[in-house]
Structures are given as C-alpha cells and as structure tokens.
Amino acid sequence: MTDAPAETAPPRTPVRVPLVTEPLGVMGSLRAARENVLSIIPDIATRQPMVSGRTGKRWHMVTDPDAIRRMLLENLDNYPKSLVTKNLLRPAIGESLFIAEGAHWRWQRRTAAPVFSHRNVMNLAPVMTAAARRSADRIAAAGPRAVDVAADMVRTTFDVIADVTFSGDGMFDADGVHRGIDAYIAEAGRVSLFDILGLPDWVPRPGRLMAGGAVRDMKRVADEAVEARRARGPEGVPDLLDLLLDGEDPETKRRMNTAELRDNLLTFIVAGHETTALTLGWSLYLCAFDQEVQDRARAEARAVLSGDAATGDDVARLPFIRQIIDEALRLYPPAGMVSRTAMAADTLCGREIRPGDTVILPIYALHRHHMLWDNPDAFRPDRFADRKAMPRYAYLPFGDGPRICIGASFALQEAVIILATLLARFRFTPVPGRDPDPVMILTLRPQGGVWLMAEEV
C-alpha cells in the first residue's frame, strides 16, 4: 500500500475585496456602498465584458477595453463624470481640472499641462529624495517594533506635495488644509441614498452641510496664500504655485484667477499625496507578502543608489521597482471605481445606452478580469516587464485618453524614489494577524493600516 499523494495548497494571494454574488437591492447597495464602494461590484464583472442592472436608475459596469476606449477617447464628451462624483467633490475643489467639463476643462488643461513637463518634474525630485530620507530615518528610529508604514507614507507624500506646491511658504497652513480635506471626506464622502436614487443636486445632503465650515476655512487659507505669492513672486526653483501663476492658455492667453488657482492647487494636494501614499503603502505590503520579490528589488536598488536615498536620475535605472509599483496599482488602484453619466444614446458591447444612464468603470474589476489577466488576483510584478504586451485600456490606474491624470509622471517618479530608498535600507516582514483590509470610500485605502516589521539590513 502506497501513501496517497499529499494535496498541495493553492498559492496564497494578497488581500482582496469580496465581490457580490447575489443582487443587493437599493437598501443593500446603500449599506454596502457606505462601508466599501467596491463591495457593490458583482463578481461576474471580472468575467464578462459588461454587466447591467437597475438600482433606482439604470446602470452598466464596463470592463471591455474597446468599450472603455470609446468612452474615454472616441466619445469622451458623451460620458462626463457622474453627478454623484461631482456632488461629492465640487464643494471642496470647485470646477477644477478634476471636475470641469468641455471648454472649461480644456483651457485649464492646456494651461496646467506645462507645469508637469518632464523638466519641471525632475527639478522637483530633490524634494522627493529629502522626504524619502526623512521617512527612512523615522522608521529606523521607531526601533525593532511594528510600524504602520501606510501612515508614514501619508506623512511622507504630504511633505512632498506641501513643499513642491508652496515651497514651505510660511504663509500657507499646509496642515490646516490637510485637516480640512480629511474632515470633508470623512463627513461628506460617503455615498448618500439620495445619490443612489438619482435625486437632484438641490436636495440637501446632511453630511455635506456639516462639513461646509471646514471647507470654507480651508479655501480662505489657500486664497490668502495664493494672493501673497502673487504679490511676492517666485524665489529659487519654481514650485507648482509659481508655475501655475505663470501659466497661460496658449490658445486664448487666459490665465487662472485666484479661485481657479486655489481649486486646482487643492486638487493637486488631495490627488498628489494620498494616491501616491496609498500606492506606496500597498507596495510595501506586497513586498512583505513576497520576500523573493522584495530581495530582488533590494538588490536592484543597492546596485543603483549611490547614496542613502534614490534621486530623480536613478528612477530610469530601477525598472523592477517600477514594476512593483505598477502591479500594486493594478491590484489596489486608488480610484477603484469611476462613474460617468451618458448624455446621449450610444451602444457599448452591443448593448443600448440611454441618455441619463450611469456607466461605471469598475477599475478594480477591470484590473482583476479573468479575460484580460492571467491569475488576476496573484502578485506578479513581471507582468509589467513588457508593457506593450497588454491591452491599452485594460490597465487604467491614471485613467486614459485626453483626461489621463495630469500628474501621473510626478506620482510615479515620487513612488519609485521613496520605495527604492526604503527597500535599500530595510527588510519588511508582515505582522501576523494584521493584514490590511482594502476599503474604498473615495479612494482604496488599507483600513487598519499596513503594519510591518522593519529591520535594517
């Protein structure tokens, strides 16, 4: 008698959001969305090109790259951001680049695009290097105990954005603005039943009324800082505010007024630190999850870095670390779901789209789609060794088309610099029983933090 072959356990996968397998209904959808927006995605959306339904109003979830291309490129003006998205964010960031549509968006985009040129982004790299070094020193000083690296990444990336936005200008209360943004998101960012039912904007949303005072104070502080800089002028290397003040629409010669400058700066502060912090927190979790990947990344960093922190010039020579960041953005995209409202009749995946329909891009499901990715829930940075091999509209951490994130190159440079600096200095290992919980309200956050042991090597 021979022994039966031992069963091999399936490979462990990183934490993920459990998707829906049965219809939730209006009240069930509301409860789920208020806890975790991604939990309303049906699991079938990771296996079919399009899923449709009705929850108060008609909706469609689209994960077909050709249909997404039509929405984001070929028929862009027919799919503006949904009223739900605008209602959530307009009180905090006005009609800035993130929200504006049509001609108002186009002139702002033309004005702001030169701000994020390769030259300007490289000029800001020393700020990123200095922040990475301070982060490493804080982690080292914490001693041999568990550290919430997600919280430290928020601090690190906020240091960067505050410095590159206002050059440490004493007139600008960066922490006050940060608190105001967080207070608004905490009170107003949760989906309202009124939004799901499609009630008009003039019907008050109680949470947003509660957060109004913090937003008014935040905008007043930012307005004062803009006016002070306008009067003072630039000093040294131009920061984002200097560049925006100097910006001009090449077609109309229009410049941004104080309110437009303020709303776009607040947008850059929100989008420019939290999303990068989230990407870094998830990247460190994944490196601790897979020690072989971490060892390979550490070897690359140590072979490239000439000092104790990575620089802008090092970024192009750290391809594997960039692949880790790309894979973290695939598994945990900061904007895990994006919604649009159809303005006119259209056809997607052979299905009728009516005016007023909500058309959702469930980026989280797209990035884990079984028709587009091999073993989609697995952590495999080598997927990105040949980016040309993947369908263009199957990977959208920064969106795509004309409205692709204007700060994508800034964010990626910052993330590579910080991750390389930390991996060159520390070995990160998981804390048993402290896995993060991926939860999306406005962004996909590691609820409970990312607690890791950090040992200097």
Protein backbone atom coordinates (compact mmCIF):
# COMPACT_ATOMS: atom_id res chain seq x y z
CA MET A 1 0.00 0.00 0.00
CA THR A 2 1.40 3.34 -1.00
CA ASP A 3 0.82 6.70 0.61
CA ALA A 4 -1.71 8.94 -1.13
CA PRO A 5 -0.10 11.98 -2.74
CA ALA A 6 -0.16 14.99 -0.46
CA GLU A 7 -2.55 17.70 -1.53
CA THR A 8 -0.79 20.93 -2.43
CA ALA A 9 -2.37 24.06 -1.03
CA PRO A 10 -3.28 26.71 -3.61
CA PRO A 11 -0.82 29.61 -3.67
CA ARG A 12 -1.69 32.34 -1.20
CA THR A 13 -2.94 35.58 -2.72
CA PRO A 14 -2.79 39.11 -1.28
CA VAL A 15 -5.84 40.58 0.45
CA ARG A 16 -8.75 41.46 -1.80
CA VAL A 17 -12.31 42.79 -1.71
CA PRO A 18 -15.03 40.10 -1.65
CA LEU A 19 -17.28 40.88 -4.61
CA VAL A 20 -21.05 40.40 -4.77
CA THR A 21 -22.53 37.10 -5.89
CA GLU A 22 -26.23 37.97 -5.38
CA PRO A 23 -28.29 41.14 -6.13
CA LEU A 24 -28.27 43.64 -3.25
CA GLY A 25 -31.27 45.89 -4.00
CA VAL A 26 -31.41 49.63 -3.26
CA MET A 27 -31.04 49.50 0.54
CA GLY A 28 -28.46 46.71 0.41
CA SER A 29 -26.45 48.68 -2.14
CA LEU A 30 -26.60 51.77 0.05
CA ARG A 31 -25.39 49.89 3.14
CA ALA A 32 -22.60 48.22 1.17
CA ALA A 33 -21.52 51.43 -0.58
CA ARG A 34 -21.30 53.36 2.68
CA GLU A 35 -18.95 50.74 4.09
CA ASN A 36 -16.95 49.93 0.96
CA VAL A 37 -17.95 51.16 -2.50
CA LEU A 38 -16.15 48.25 -4.19
CA SER A 39 -18.32 45.73 -2.37
CA ILE A 40 -21.23 46.55 -4.72
CA ILE A 41 -19.28 45.20 -7.73
CA PRO A 42 -20.70 41.84 -8.86
CA ASP A 43 -18.10 39.11 -9.17
CA ILE A 44 -19.39 38.43 -12.68
CA ALA A 45 -17.93 41.83 -13.69
CA THR A 46 -14.49 40.16 -13.52
CA ARG A 47 -15.60 37.52 -16.05
CA GLN A 48 -17.86 39.32 -18.56
CA PRO A 49 -17.27 42.44 -20.68
CA MET A 50 -20.32 44.30 -19.38
CA VAL A 51 -22.91 43.93 -16.59
CA SER A 52 -26.12 45.97 -16.42
CA GLY A 53 -28.86 46.48 -13.85
CA ARG A 54 -31.12 48.96 -12.12
CA THR A 55 -30.77 50.35 -8.59
CA GLY A 56 -33.02 53.38 -8.59
CA LYS A 57 -31.77 54.11 -12.13
CA ARG A 58 -30.21 52.12 -14.98
CA TRP A 59 -26.51 51.36 -14.64
CA HIS A 60 -23.86 49.50 -16.61
CA MET A 61 -20.42 48.28 -15.46
CA VAL A 62 -17.99 48.15 -18.39
CA THR A 63 -14.76 46.12 -18.40
CA ASP A 64 -14.29 45.66 -22.15
CA PRO A 65 -11.16 47.55 -23.32
CA ASP A 66 -12.71 48.53 -26.68
CA ALA A 67 -15.84 49.91 -25.00
CA ILE A 68 -13.68 51.77 -22.45
CA ARG A 69 -11.66 53.25 -25.30
CA ARG A 70 -14.89 54.55 -26.81
CA MET A 71 -15.89 56.16 -23.51
CA LEU A 72 -12.52 57.72 -22.68
CA LEU A 73 -11.31 58.65 -26.15
CA GLU A 74 -13.65 58.31 -29.13
CA ASN A 75 -16.87 59.59 -27.50
CA LEU A 76 -15.43 61.40 -24.48
CA ASP A 77 -17.92 64.28 -24.32
CA ASN A 78 -20.85 61.86 -24.12
CA TYR A 79 -19.57 60.47 -20.81
CA PRO A 80 -18.86 63.29 -18.36
CA LYS A 81 -18.19 62.49 -14.72
CA SER A 82 -21.40 61.45 -12.98
CA LEU A 83 -23.43 63.81 -10.82
CA VAL A 84 -22.61 61.61 -7.81
CA THR A 85 -18.88 62.27 -8.30
CA LYS A 86 -19.37 65.99 -8.88
CA ASN A 87 -21.73 66.34 -5.91
CA LEU A 88 -19.17 64.68 -3.64
CA LEU A 89 -16.17 66.75 -4.70
CA ARG A 90 -17.39 70.14 -6.01
CA PRO A 91 -17.78 71.74 -2.53
CA ALA A 92 -14.11 71.03 -1.81
CA ILE A 93 -12.36 71.54 -5.17
CA GLY A 94 -14.83 73.59 -7.22
CA GLU A 95 -14.77 73.45 -11.02
CA SER A 96 -11.11 72.43 -11.14
CA LEU A 97 -9.50 70.13 -13.69
CA PHE A 98 -10.84 67.02 -11.97
CA ILE A 99 -14.48 68.08 -12.26
CA ALA A 100 -14.75 70.60 -15.11
CA GLU A 101 -16.09 69.50 -18.48
CA GLY A 102 -15.94 70.69 -22.08
CA ALA A 103 -14.33 74.02 -22.93
CA HIS A 104 -13.82 74.97 -19.27
CA TRP A 105 -11.83 71.80 -18.71
CA ARG A 106 -9.85 72.15 -21.98
CA TRP A 107 -8.47 75.62 -21.30
CA GLN A 108 -7.44 74.65 -17.75
CA ARG A 109 -5.74 71.52 -19.05
CA ARG A 110 -3.82 73.48 -21.69
CA THR A 111 -2.74 75.98 -19.04
CA ALA A 112 -1.65 73.41 -16.46
CA ALA A 113 -0.04 70.79 -18.76
CA PRO A 114 3.39 72.53 -18.97
CA VAL A 115 3.56 72.56 -15.15
CA PHE A 116 4.04 68.77 -15.24
CA SER A 117 6.62 68.65 -18.01
CA HIS A 118 9.50 66.18 -17.56
CA ARG A 119 11.88 69.06 -16.87
CA ASN A 120 9.72 70.56 -14.13
CA VAL A 121 9.05 67.17 -12.52
CA MET A 122 12.78 66.39 -12.50
CA ASN A 123 13.50 69.79 -10.93
CA LEU A 124 11.25 68.77 -8.01
CA ALA A 125 12.97 65.38 -7.48
CA PRO A 126 15.32 66.64 -4.70
CA VAL A 127 12.24 67.37 -2.56
CA MET A 128 11.15 63.73 -3.04
CA THR A 129 14.63 62.44 -2.18
CA ALA A 130 14.74 64.50 1.02
CA ALA A 131 11.29 63.27 2.08
CA ALA A 132 12.31 59.64 1.39
CA ARG A 133 15.40 60.07 3.57
CA ARG A 134 13.31 61.52 6.43
CA SER A 135 10.87 58.61 6.15
CA ALA A 136 13.70 56.07 6.37
CA ASP A 137 15.12 57.87 9.42
CA ARG A 138 11.71 57.82 11.16
CA ILE A 139 11.26 54.10 10.51
CA ALA A 140 14.76 53.38 11.79
CA ALA A 141 14.17 55.48 14.92
CA ALA A 142 10.96 53.54 15.68
CA GLY A 143 13.17 50.64 16.69
CA PRO A 144 12.51 46.92 16.34
CA ARG A 145 8.72 47.04 16.50
CA ALA A 146 5.76 47.06 14.13
CA VAL A 147 5.35 50.26 12.13
CA ASP A 148 2.24 51.46 10.28
CA VAL A 149 4.01 52.20 7.02
CA ALA A 150 0.75 53.38 5.42
CA ALA A 151 0.54 56.24 7.93
CA ASP A 152 4.18 57.14 7.35
CA MET A 153 3.65 57.18 3.59
CA VAL A 154 0.79 59.69 4.04
CA ARG A 155 3.12 61.90 6.07
CA THR A 156 5.96 61.50 3.56
CA THR A 157 3.94 62.28 0.44
CA PHE A 158 2.17 65.19 2.14
CA ASP A 159 5.60 66.63 3.00
CA VAL A 160 6.45 66.39 -0.70
CA ILE A 161 3.26 67.97 -2.03
CA ALA A 162 3.29 70.79 0.55
CA ASP A 163 6.90 71.61 -0.34
CA VAL A 164 6.52 71.42 -4.12
CA THR A 165 3.23 73.34 -4.01
CA PHE A 166 4.17 76.20 -1.71
CA SER A 167 7.94 75.70 -1.14
CA GLY A 168 7.41 75.54 2.61
CA ASP A 169 5.89 79.04 2.42
CA GLY A 170 5.21 80.18 5.99
CA MET A 171 2.05 81.93 4.76
CA PHE A 172 0.42 78.60 3.95
CA ASP A 173 -1.02 76.41 6.70
CA ALA A 174 -0.48 73.06 4.95
CA ASP A 175 -1.60 71.04 7.97
CA GLY A 176 -4.77 73.11 8.24
CA VAL A 177 -5.62 72.42 4.61
CA HIS A 178 -4.88 68.72 5.13
CA ARG A 179 -7.24 68.61 8.13
CA GLY A 180 -9.94 70.44 6.19
CA ILE A 181 -9.77 67.99 3.29
CA ASP A 182 -9.83 64.97 5.60
CA ALA A 183 -12.78 66.38 7.56
CA TYR A 184 -14.74 66.96 4.37
CA ILE A 185 -14.09 63.46 3.02
CA ALA A 186 -14.93 61.86 6.38
CA GLU A 187 -18.27 63.69 6.67
CA ALA A 188 -19.33 64.10 3.07
CA GLY A 189 -17.54 61.46 1.04
CA ARG A 190 -19.85 58.58 1.83
CA VAL A 191 -22.44 57.80 -0.78
CA SER A 192 -25.87 59.16 0.10
CA LEU A 193 -29.11 57.31 -0.54
CA PHE A 194 -30.15 60.47 -2.39
CA ASP A 195 -27.23 59.96 -4.80
CA ILE A 196 -28.06 56.30 -5.48
CA LEU A 197 -31.69 57.22 -6.16
CA GLY A 198 -30.58 59.98 -8.53
CA LEU A 199 -32.24 62.87 -6.62
CA PRO A 200 -31.31 66.32 -7.96
CA ASP A 201 -28.38 68.30 -6.59
CA TRP A 202 -30.59 70.90 -4.86
CA VAL A 203 -31.89 68.29 -2.38
CA PRO A 204 -29.58 68.83 0.67
CA ARG A 205 -27.17 66.07 1.71
CA PRO A 206 -26.82 66.41 5.51
CA GLY A 207 -23.20 65.22 5.73
CA ARG A 208 -22.04 67.80 3.20
CA LEU A 209 -23.79 70.58 5.08
CA MET A 210 -21.97 69.52 8.27
CA ALA A 211 -18.58 69.73 6.56
CA GLY A 212 -19.14 73.15 4.98
CA GLY A 213 -17.37 75.17 7.68
CA ALA A 214 -14.10 73.27 7.39
CA VAL A 215 -14.13 73.68 3.61
CA ARG A 216 -14.72 77.46 3.83
CA ASP A 217 -11.81 77.85 6.24
CA MET A 218 -9.56 75.72 4.02
CA LYS A 219 -10.38 77.79 0.92
CA ARG A 220 -9.82 81.07 2.77
CA VAL A 221 -6.34 79.96 3.90
CA ALA A 222 -5.45 78.84 0.36
CA ASP A 223 -6.75 82.10 -1.19
CA GLU A 224 -4.57 84.15 1.17
CA ALA A 225 -1.51 82.06 0.27
CA VAL A 226 -2.15 82.48 -3.48
CA GLU A 227 -2.53 86.26 -3.16
CA ALA A 228 0.61 86.51 -1.01
CA ARG A 229 2.64 84.59 -3.60
CA ARG A 230 1.20 86.66 -6.45
CA ALA A 231 2.48 89.77 -4.65
CA ARG A 232 5.85 88.25 -3.66
CA GLY A 233 6.79 86.40 -6.82
CA PRO A 234 8.95 83.25 -7.17
CA GLU A 235 12.13 82.54 -5.23
CA GLY A 236 14.61 79.84 -6.31
CA VAL A 237 13.37 76.76 -8.20
CA PRO A 238 9.76 77.47 -9.28
CA ASP A 239 7.20 75.41 -7.36
CA LEU A 240 3.75 74.35 -8.59
CA LEU A 241 2.14 77.62 -7.48
CA ASP A 242 4.78 79.68 -9.29
CA LEU A 243 4.32 77.61 -12.43
CA LEU A 244 0.52 77.91 -12.32
CA LEU A 245 0.68 81.66 -11.68
CA ASP A 246 2.91 81.93 -14.74
CA GLY A 247 0.68 79.59 -16.78
CA GLU A 248 -1.29 80.81 -19.77
CA ASP A 249 -3.64 79.03 -22.16
CA PRO A 250 -1.62 79.01 -25.42
CA GLU A 251 -4.83 79.36 -27.48
CA THR A 252 -6.79 82.04 -25.61
CA LYS A 253 -4.00 83.63 -23.48
CA ARG A 254 -6.32 83.26 -20.49
CA ARG A 255 -4.78 82.94 -17.01
CA MET A 256 -6.29 81.41 -13.90
CA ASN A 257 -7.82 83.76 -11.36
CA THR A 258 -7.31 83.24 -7.62
CA ALA A 259 -10.32 80.93 -7.17
CA GLU A 260 -9.29 78.78 -10.16
CA LEU A 261 -5.69 78.60 -8.93
CA ARG A 262 -6.85 77.67 -5.44
CA ASP A 263 -9.24 74.94 -6.59
CA ASN A 264 -6.60 73.36 -8.81
CA LEU A 265 -3.94 73.57 -6.10
CA LEU A 266 -6.31 71.89 -3.63
CA THR A 267 -6.95 69.21 -6.27
CA PHE A 268 -3.21 68.64 -6.68
CA ILE A 269 -2.75 68.49 -2.90
CA VAL A 270 -5.51 65.89 -2.50
CA ALA A 271 -4.64 63.83 -5.57
CA GLY A 272 -0.93 64.45 -5.31
CA HIS A 273 -0.29 62.96 -1.94
CA GLU A 274 -2.98 60.49 -0.88
CA THR A 275 -3.00 58.42 -4.06
CA THR A 276 0.80 58.12 -4.05
CA ALA A 277 0.79 57.32 -0.33
CA LEU A 278 -1.75 54.56 -0.93
CA THR A 279 0.32 53.13 -3.78
CA LEU A 280 3.41 53.05 -1.57
CA GLY A 281 1.56 51.53 1.39
CA TRP A 282 0.19 48.74 -0.80
CA SER A 283 3.62 48.27 -2.48
CA LEU A 284 5.29 47.76 0.89
CA TYR A 285 2.56 45.33 1.96
CA LEU A 286 3.12 43.32 -1.25
CA CYS A 287 6.91 43.31 -0.80
CA ALA A 288 6.45 41.96 2.73
CA PHE A 289 3.98 39.42 1.34
CA ASP A 290 6.54 38.11 -1.19
CA GLN A 291 10.09 38.10 0.18
CA GLU A 292 11.59 36.91 -3.12
CA VAL A 293 10.23 39.98 -4.90
CA GLN A 294 11.50 42.16 -2.06
CA ASP A 295 15.01 40.65 -2.22
CA ARG A 296 15.17 41.20 -5.97
CA ALA A 297 14.03 44.81 -5.61
CA ARG A 298 16.54 45.45 -2.81
CA ALA A 299 19.37 44.10 -4.95
CA GLU A 300 18.35 46.42 -7.80
CA ALA A 301 18.14 49.45 -5.50
CA ARG A 302 21.51 48.78 -3.89
CA ALA A 303 23.16 48.36 -7.27
CA VAL A 304 21.84 51.73 -8.46
CA LEU A 305 21.76 54.08 -5.46
CA SER A 306 24.98 55.97 -4.86
CA GLY A 307 23.86 57.46 -1.53
CA ASP A 308 21.35 56.74 1.22
CA ALA A 309 18.35 57.80 -0.87
CA ALA A 310 17.27 57.48 -4.51
CA THR A 311 17.36 60.53 -6.79
CA GLY A 312 15.47 61.59 -9.89
CA ASP A 313 18.36 60.41 -12.06
CA ASP A 314 18.11 56.92 -10.51
CA VAL A 315 14.46 56.36 -11.49
CA ALA A 316 15.09 55.22 -15.06
CA ARG A 317 17.56 52.59 -13.77
CA LEU A 318 15.08 50.99 -11.36
CA PRO A 319 12.76 49.10 -13.73
CA PHE A 320 11.82 46.26 -11.35
CA ILE A 321 10.87 48.66 -8.56
CA ARG A 322 8.69 50.47 -11.10
CA GLN A 323 7.09 47.09 -11.98
CA ILE A 324 6.23 46.53 -8.30
CA ILE A 325 4.52 49.91 -8.22
CA ASP A 326 2.66 49.12 -11.46
CA GLU A 327 1.46 45.81 -10.03
CA ALA A 328 0.38 47.48 -6.77
CA LEU A 329 -1.62 49.96 -8.85
CA ARG A 330 -3.21 47.04 -10.69
CA LEU A 331 -4.22 45.14 -7.55
CA TYR A 332 -5.17 48.21 -5.49
CA PRO A 333 -5.97 51.12 -7.83
CA PRO A 334 -6.56 54.28 -5.73
CA ALA A 335 -9.58 55.17 -7.86
CA GLY A 336 -11.10 51.69 -7.81
CA MET A 337 -14.36 52.77 -9.43
CA VAL A 338 -15.23 55.68 -11.71
CA SER A 339 -18.74 56.61 -12.80
CA ARG A 340 -20.00 58.55 -15.81
CA THR A 341 -23.43 59.76 -16.93
CA ALA A 342 -24.39 59.15 -20.56
CA MET A 343 -25.57 62.36 -22.22
CA ALA A 344 -26.90 60.80 -25.45
CA ALA A 345 -27.83 57.39 -26.80
CA ASP A 346 -24.91 55.09 -27.57
CA THR A 347 -24.03 51.43 -27.92
CA LEU A 348 -21.39 49.65 -25.83
CA CYS A 349 -20.63 45.94 -26.21
CA GLY A 350 -23.71 45.70 -28.43
CA ARG A 351 -25.93 46.97 -25.61
CA GLU A 352 -28.14 50.07 -25.68
CA ILE A 353 -27.03 53.04 -23.57
CA ARG A 354 -29.78 55.59 -22.92
CA PRO A 355 -29.37 59.25 -22.01
CA GLY A 356 -29.10 59.54 -18.20
CA ASP A 357 -27.79 56.01 -17.68
CA THR A 358 -24.95 55.66 -15.17
CA VAL A 359 -21.97 53.99 -16.85
CA ILE A 360 -19.41 52.71 -14.37
CA LEU A 361 -15.78 51.81 -14.97
CA PRO A 362 -15.06 49.38 -12.11
CA ILE A 363 -11.27 49.73 -12.34
CA TYR A 364 -10.81 47.24 -9.51
CA ALA A 365 -12.71 44.58 -11.51
CA LEU A 366 -11.02 45.55 -14.80
CA HIS A 367 -7.59 45.04 -13.23
CA ARG A 368 -8.63 41.59 -11.97
CA HIS A 369 -10.56 40.48 -15.05
CA HIS A 370 -10.14 36.81 -15.92
CA MET A 371 -10.34 37.50 -19.68
CA LEU A 372 -7.55 40.09 -19.51
CA TRP A 373 -5.06 38.87 -16.89
CA ASP A 374 -3.51 35.50 -16.11
CA ASN A 375 -4.20 34.52 -12.46
CA PRO A 376 -5.51 38.05 -11.87
CA ASP A 377 -5.52 38.01 -8.06
CA ALA A 378 -1.85 36.99 -7.83
CA PHE A 379 1.02 39.42 -7.18
CA ARG A 380 3.32 39.20 -10.21
CA PRO A 381 5.39 42.32 -10.97
CA ASP A 382 6.89 40.63 -14.05
CA ARG A 383 3.56 41.17 -15.83
CA PHE A 384 4.87 44.66 -16.49
CA ALA A 385 8.24 43.66 -17.93
CA ASP A 386 6.71 44.23 -21.38
CA ARG A 387 4.03 46.89 -21.10
CA LYS A 388 3.34 46.78 -24.84
CA ALA A 389 2.03 43.22 -24.50
CA MET A 390 -1.08 44.26 -22.51
CA PRO A 391 -4.25 45.76 -23.98
CA ARG A 392 -4.07 49.55 -23.75
CA TYR A 393 -7.41 50.02 -21.97
CA ALA A 394 -7.09 47.01 -19.62
CA TYR A 395 -4.90 48.93 -17.15
CA LEU A 396 -6.13 52.34 -16.02
CA PRO A 397 -4.60 53.42 -12.70
CA PHE A 398 -4.42 57.00 -14.00
CA GLY A 399 -7.34 56.87 -16.44
CA ASP A 400 -6.60 57.35 -20.14
CA GLY A 401 -7.48 59.43 -23.15
CA PRO A 402 -7.39 63.26 -23.03
CA ARG A 403 -8.31 63.21 -19.32
CA ILE A 404 -5.47 60.93 -18.21
CA CYS A 405 -4.13 62.09 -14.84
CA ILE A 406 -2.03 65.20 -15.41
CA GLY A 407 0.31 64.32 -12.54
CA ALA A 408 0.98 60.66 -13.41
CA SER A 409 4.70 61.16 -14.15
CA PHE A 410 5.12 63.16 -10.92
CA ALA A 411 3.45 60.40 -8.87
CA LEU A 412 5.44 57.57 -10.45
CA GLN A 413 8.78 59.35 -10.01
CA GLU A 414 7.96 60.05 -6.35
CA ALA A 415 6.83 56.47 -5.70
CA VAL A 416 9.99 54.92 -7.24
CA ILE A 417 12.28 57.27 -5.29
CA ILE A 418 10.61 56.53 -1.95
CA LEU A 419 10.17 52.76 -2.44
CA ALA A 420 13.77 52.27 -3.63
CA THR A 421 15.10 54.26 -0.67
CA LEU A 422 13.16 52.19 1.87
CA LEU A 423 13.87 48.78 0.32
CA ALA A 424 17.59 49.51 0.09
CA ARG A 425 17.70 50.11 3.85
CA PHE A 426 15.10 47.78 5.40
CA ARG A 427 13.68 44.29 5.21
CA PHE A 428 9.93 44.45 5.72
CA THR A 429 8.04 41.45 7.09
CA PRO A 430 4.33 41.01 7.90
CA VAL A 431 2.87 41.23 11.38
CA PRO A 432 0.80 38.05 11.90
CA GLY A 433 -2.93 38.74 12.09
CA ARG A 434 -2.56 42.38 10.97
CA ASP A 435 -3.35 42.15 7.25
CA PRO A 436 -4.82 45.38 5.87
CA ASP A 437 -8.44 45.45 4.71
CA PRO A 438 -8.92 47.07 1.26
CA VAL A 439 -11.80 49.53 1.63
CA MET A 440 -12.82 52.25 -0.83
CA ILE A 441 -14.80 55.33 0.11
CA LEU A 442 -13.32 57.90 -2.28
CA THR A 443 -10.02 56.04 -2.61
CA LEU A 444 -8.96 52.43 -2.00
CA ARG A 445 -7.33 52.53 1.44
CA PRO A 446 -5.74 49.81 3.62
CA GLN A 447 -8.19 50.02 6.52
CA GLY A 448 -6.43 49.37 9.80
CA GLY A 449 -3.11 50.47 8.31
CA VAL A 450 -0.20 48.45 6.88
CA TRP A 451 1.66 47.14 9.94
CA LEU A 452 5.07 45.70 9.12
CA MET A 453 8.26 44.88 10.97
CA ALA A 454 11.18 46.87 9.55
CA GLU A 455 14.69 45.52 10.12
CA GLU A 456 17.73 47.47 8.92
CA VAL A 457 19.90 45.42 6.57
